[in-house]
Amino acid sequence: MLRRGYVDSRYKMDYVIAEEELKELINKVAKMQEIVRSLCEEKIDALGANIPIQ
């Protein structure tokens, strides 16, 4: 749905999205942000634990 929305909104001058679809996309993007934030924080913490302090 996100990919279709991106492509359609970019290339179709008459693109329209329903309010329910928009709400669903907002929720999916928010969830994706949470996952990415968590994964990045875990990776940063892991890298920080392996770097010797000078």
PDB file of N, CA and C in Angstrom:
ATOM      1  N   MET A   1       0.819  -1.187   0.000  1.00  0.00           N
ATOM      2  CA  MET A   1       0.000   0.000   0.000  1.00  0.00           C
ATOM      3  C   MET A   1       0.866   1.255   0.000  1.00  0.00           C
ATOM      4  N   LEU A   2       1.927   1.258   0.786  1.00  0.00           N
ATOM      5  CA  LEU A   2       2.806   2.424   0.848  1.00  0.00           C
ATOM      6  C   LEU A   2       3.495   2.656  -0.491  1.00  0.00           C
ATOM      7  N   ARG A   3       3.999   1.595  -1.088  1.00  0.00           N
ATOM      8  CA  ARG A   3       4.677   1.721  -2.384  1.00  0.00           C
ATOM      9  C   ARG A   3       3.704   2.214  -3.458  1.00  0.00           C
ATOM     10  N   ARG A   4       2.508   1.639  -3.471  1.00  0.00           N
ATOM     11  CA  ARG A   4       1.509   2.050  -4.460  1.00  0.00           C
ATOM     12  C   ARG A   4       1.146   3.522  -4.269  1.00  0.00           C
ATOM     13  N   GLY A   5       0.970   3.929  -3.032  1.00  0.00           N
ATOM     14  CA  GLY A   5       0.646   5.321  -2.741  1.00  0.00           C
ATOM     15  C   GLY A   5       1.743   6.267  -3.196  1.00  0.00           C
ATOM     16  N   TYR A   6       2.989   5.889  -2.954  1.00  0.00           N
ATOM     17  CA  TYR A   6       4.115   6.717  -3.379  1.00  0.00           C
ATOM     18  C   TYR A   6       4.150   6.843  -4.899  1.00  0.00           C
ATOM     19  N   VAL A   7       4.086   5.716  -5.585  1.00  0.00           N
ATOM     20  CA  VAL A   7       4.174   5.720  -7.046  1.00  0.00           C
ATOM     21  C   VAL A   7       2.981   6.458  -7.656  1.00  0.00           C
ATOM     22  N   ASP A   8       1.784   6.131  -7.178  1.00  0.00           N
ATOM     23  CA  ASP A   8       0.594   6.769  -7.734  1.00  0.00           C
ATOM     24  C   ASP A   8       0.591   8.279  -7.489  1.00  0.00           C
ATOM     25  N   SER A   9       0.963   8.700  -6.289  1.00  0.00           N
ATOM     26  CA  SER A   9       0.944  10.134  -5.990  1.00  0.00           C
ATOM     27  C   SER A   9       2.017  10.881  -6.767  1.00  0.00           C
ATOM     28  N   ARG A  10       3.076  10.204  -7.091  1.00  0.00           N
ATOM     29  CA  ARG A  10       4.159  10.848  -7.839  1.00  0.00           C
ATOM     30  C   ARG A  10       3.843  10.970  -9.331  1.00  0.00           C
ATOM     31  N   TYR A  11       3.202   9.964  -9.889  1.00  0.00           N
ATOM     32  CA  TYR A  11       3.026   9.926 -11.339  1.00  0.00           C
ATOM     33  C   TYR A  11       1.595  10.138 -11.819  1.00  0.00           C
ATOM     34  N   LYS A  12       0.641  10.134 -10.925  1.00  0.00           N
ATOM     35  CA  LYS A  12      -0.751  10.337 -11.333  1.00  0.00           C
ATOM     36  C   LYS A  12      -1.247  11.677 -10.805  1.00  0.00           C
ATOM     37  N   MET A  13      -1.593  12.562 -11.697  1.00  0.00           N
ATOM     38  CA  MET A  13      -2.033  13.895 -11.308  1.00  0.00           C
ATOM     39  C   MET A  13      -3.369  13.861 -10.551  1.00  0.00           C
ATOM     40  N   ASP A  14      -4.155  12.807 -10.731  1.00  0.00           N
ATOM     41  CA  ASP A  14      -5.464  12.727 -10.102  1.00  0.00           C
ATOM     42  C   ASP A  14      -5.487  11.762  -8.913  1.00  0.00           C
ATOM     43  N   TYR A  15      -4.334  11.545  -8.280  1.00  0.00           N
ATOM     44  CA  TYR A  15      -4.250  10.594  -7.163  1.00  0.00           C
ATOM     45  C   TYR A  15      -5.089  11.080  -5.980  1.00  0.00           C
ATOM     46  N   VAL A  16      -5.850  10.173  -5.412  1.00  0.00           N
ATOM     47  CA  VAL A  16      -6.669  10.450  -4.236  1.00  0.00           C
ATOM     48  C   VAL A  16      -6.511   9.271  -3.274  1.00  0.00           C
ATOM     49  N   ILE A  17      -6.444   9.575  -1.989  1.00  0.00           N
ATOM     50  CA  ILE A  17      -6.365   8.521  -0.981  1.00  0.00           C
ATOM     51  C   ILE A  17      -7.531   8.695  -0.001  1.00  0.00           C
ATOM     52  N   ALA A  18      -8.137   7.596   0.359  1.00  0.00           N
ATOM     53  CA  ALA A  18      -9.245   7.629   1.317  1.00  0.00           C
ATOM     54  C   ALA A  18      -8.697   7.885   2.716  1.00  0.00           C
ATOM     55  N   GLU A  19      -9.498   8.477   3.543  1.00  0.00           N
ATOM     56  CA  GLU A  19      -9.074   8.794   4.912  1.00  0.00           C
ATOM     57  C   GLU A  19      -8.656   7.541   5.680  1.00  0.00           C
ATOM     58  N   GLU A  20      -9.383   6.458   5.513  1.00  0.00           N
ATOM     59  CA  GLU A  20      -9.038   5.207   6.203  1.00  0.00           C
ATOM     60  C   GLU A  20      -7.690   4.659   5.732  1.00  0.00           C
ATOM     61  N   GLU A  21      -7.427   4.737   4.429  1.00  0.00           N
ATOM     62  CA  GLU A  21      -6.129   4.285   3.909  1.00  0.00           C
ATOM     63  C   GLU A  21      -5.006   5.156   4.467  1.00  0.00           C
ATOM     64  N   LEU A  22      -5.241   6.445   4.542  1.00  0.00           N
ATOM     65  CA  LEU A  22      -4.240   7.360   5.079  1.00  0.00           C
ATOM     66  C   LEU A  22      -3.946   7.038   6.539  1.00  0.00           C
ATOM     67  N   LYS A  23      -4.985   6.797   7.322  1.00  0.00           N
ATOM     68  CA  LYS A  23      -4.788   6.440   8.730  1.00  0.00           C
ATOM     69  C   LYS A  23      -3.989   5.147   8.859  1.00  0.00           C
ATOM     70  N   GLU A  24      -4.285   4.175   8.004  1.00  0.00           N
ATOM     71  CA  GLU A  24      -3.558   2.908   8.031  1.00  0.00           C
ATOM     72  C   GLU A  24      -2.080   3.120   7.687  1.00  0.00           C
ATOM     73  N   LEU A  25      -1.821   3.951   6.690  1.00  0.00           N
ATOM     74  CA  LEU A  25      -0.435   4.242   6.314  1.00  0.00           C
ATOM     75  C   LEU A  25       0.304   4.954   7.444  1.00  0.00           C
ATOM     76  N   ILE A  26      -0.357   5.890   8.086  1.00  0.00           N
ATOM     77  CA  ILE A  26       0.261   6.612   9.201  1.00  0.00           C
ATOM     78  C   ILE A  26       0.640   5.626  10.304  1.00  0.00           C
ATOM     79  N   ASN A  27      -0.249   4.711  10.623  1.00  0.00           N
ATOM     80  CA  ASN A  27       0.045   3.711  11.656  1.00  0.00           C
ATOM     81  C   ASN A  27       1.197   2.801  11.263  1.00  0.00           C
ATOM     82  N   LYS A  28       1.235   2.387   9.994  1.00  0.00           N
ATOM     83  CA  LYS A  28       2.317   1.509   9.531  1.00  0.00           C
ATOM     84  C   LYS A  28       3.659   2.227   9.550  1.00  0.00           C
ATOM     85  N   VAL A  29       3.679   3.484   9.143  1.00  0.00           N
ATOM     86  CA  VAL A  29       4.927   4.254   9.157  1.00  0.00           C
ATOM     87  C   VAL A  29       5.397   4.469  10.593  1.00  0.00           C
ATOM     88  N   ALA A  30       4.485   4.761  11.506  1.00  0.00           N
ATOM     89  CA  ALA A  30       4.853   4.943  12.911  1.00  0.00           C
ATOM     90  C   ALA A  30       5.453   3.657  13.476  1.00  0.00           C
ATOM     91  N   LYS A  31       4.858   2.525  13.152  1.00  0.00           N
ATOM     92  CA  LYS A  31       5.385   1.239  13.621  1.00  0.00           C
ATOM     93  C   LYS A  31       6.774   0.975  13.036  1.00  0.00           C
ATOM     94  N   MET A  32       6.939   1.279  11.752  1.00  0.00           N
ATOM     95  CA  MET A  32       8.238   1.098  11.108  1.00  0.00           C
ATOM     96  C   MET A  32       9.287   1.996  11.777  1.00  0.00           C
ATOM     97  N   GLN A  33       8.920   3.217  12.132  1.00  0.00           N
ATOM     98  CA  GLN A  33       9.846   4.114  12.818  1.00  0.00           C
ATOM     99  C   GLN A  33      10.280   3.533  14.163  1.00  0.00           C
ATOM    100  N   GLU A  34       9.342   2.977  14.897  1.00  0.00           N
ATOM    101  CA  GLU A  34       9.664   2.364  16.186  1.00  0.00           C
ATOM    102  C   GLU A  34      10.652   1.213  16.019  1.00  0.00           C
ATOM    103  N   ILE A  35      10.417   0.367  15.030  1.00  0.00           N
ATOM    104  CA  ILE A  35      11.291  -0.778  14.785  1.00  0.00           C
ATOM    105  C   ILE A  35      12.693  -0.311  14.402  1.00  0.00           C
ATOM    106  N   VAL A  36      12.769   0.637  13.493  1.00  0.00           N
ATOM    107  CA  VAL A  36      14.068   1.140  13.043  1.00  0.00           C
ATOM    108  C   VAL A  36      14.807   1.809  14.197  1.00  0.00           C
ATOM    109  N   ARG A  37      14.118   2.606  14.998  1.00  0.00           N
ATOM    110  CA  ARG A  37      14.746   3.268  16.142  1.00  0.00           C
ATOM    111  C   ARG A  37      15.321   2.230  17.104  1.00  0.00           C
ATOM    112  N   SER A  38      14.538   1.214  17.397  1.00  0.00           N
ATOM    113  CA  SER A  38      14.980   0.170  18.319  1.00  0.00           C
ATOM    114  C   SER A  38      16.202  -0.571  17.779  1.00  0.00           C
ATOM    115  N   LEU A  39      16.159  -0.957  16.507  1.00  0.00           N
ATOM    116  CA  LEU A  39      17.287  -1.664  15.907  1.00  0.00           C
ATOM    117  C   LEU A  39      18.543  -0.802  15.883  1.00  0.00           C
ATOM    118  N   CYS A  40      18.391   0.466  15.556  1.00  0.00           N
ATOM    119  CA  CYS A  40      19.555   1.363  15.523  1.00  0.00           C
ATOM    120  C   CYS A  40      20.146   1.558  16.917  1.00  0.00           C
ATOM    121  N   GLU A  41      19.280   1.726  17.910  1.00  0.00           N
ATOM    122  CA  GLU A  41      19.776   1.888  19.277  1.00  0.00           C
ATOM    123  C   GLU A  41      20.511   0.644  19.748  1.00  0.00           C
ATOM    124  N   GLU A  42      19.990  -0.528  19.420  1.00  0.00           N
ATOM    125  CA  GLU A  42      20.668  -1.772  19.779  1.00  0.00           C
ATOM    126  C   GLU A  42      22.041  -1.856  19.119  1.00  0.00           C
ATOM    127  N   LYS A  43      22.111  -1.504  17.855  1.00  0.00           N
ATOM    128  CA  LYS A  43      23.382  -1.565  17.120  1.00  0.00           C
ATOM    129  C   LYS A  43      24.383  -0.562  17.686  1.00  0.00           C
ATOM    130  N   ILE A  44      23.926   0.648  17.955  1.00  0.00           N
ATOM    131  CA  ILE A  44      24.811   1.667  18.526  1.00  0.00           C
ATOM    132  C   ILE A  44      25.332   1.224  19.883  1.00  0.00           C
ATOM    133  N   ASP A  45      24.449   0.663  20.716  1.00  0.00           N
ATOM    134  CA  ASP A  45      24.882   0.166  22.028  1.00  0.00           C
ATOM    135  C   ASP A  45      25.910  -0.953  21.883  1.00  0.00           C
ATOM    136  N   ALA A  46      25.674  -1.858  20.944  1.00  0.00           N
ATOM    137  CA  ALA A  46      26.606  -2.970  20.726  1.00  0.00           C
ATOM    138  C   ALA A  46      27.956  -2.463  20.244  1.00  0.00           C
ATOM    139  N   LEU A  47      27.946  -1.510  19.346  1.00  0.00           N
ATOM    140  CA  LEU A  47      29.204  -0.946  18.856  1.00  0.00           C
ATOM    141  C   LEU A  47      29.935  -0.197  19.961  1.00  0.00           C
ATOM    142  N   GLY A  48      29.179   0.521  20.778  1.00  0.00           N
ATOM    143  CA  GLY A  48      29.791   1.268  21.883  1.00  0.00           C
ATOM    144  C   GLY A  48      30.421   0.359  22.900  1.00  0.00           C
ATOM    145  N   ALA A  49      29.880  -0.810  23.092  1.00  0.00           N
ATOM    146  CA  ALA A  49      30.423  -1.752  24.075  1.00  0.00           C
ATOM    147  C   ALA A  49      31.747  -2.347  23.603  1.00  0.00           C
ATOM    148  N   ASN A  50      31.987  -2.358  22.307  1.00  0.00           N
ATOM    149  CA  ASN A  50      33.196  -2.966  21.746  1.00  0.00           C
ATOM    150  C   ASN A  50      34.297  -1.965  21.446  1.00  0.00           C
ATOM    151  N   ILE A  51      34.036  -0.691  21.644  1.00  0.00           N
ATOM    152  CA  ILE A  51      35.042   0.323  21.342  1.00  0.00           C
ATOM    153  C   ILE A  51      35.821   0.638  22.623  1.00  0.00           C
ATOM    154  N   PRO A  52      37.153   0.429  22.591  1.00  0.00           N
ATOM    155  CA  PRO A  52      37.950   0.719  23.788  1.00  0.00           C
ATOM    156  C   PRO A  52      38.009   2.223  24.070  1.00  0.00           C
ATOM    157  N   ILE A  53      37.932   2.575  25.328  1.00  0.00           N
ATOM    158  CA  ILE A  53      38.010   3.988  25.732  1.00  0.00           C
ATOM    159  C   ILE A  53      39.476   4.365  25.851  1.00  0.00           C
ATOM    160  N   GLN A  54      39.845   5.493  25.242  1.00  0.00           N
ATOM    161  CA  GLN A  54      41.257   5.900  25.243  1.00  0.00           C
ATOM    162  C   GLN A  54      41.516   6.972  26.250  1.00  0.00           C
TER     163      GLN A  54
END
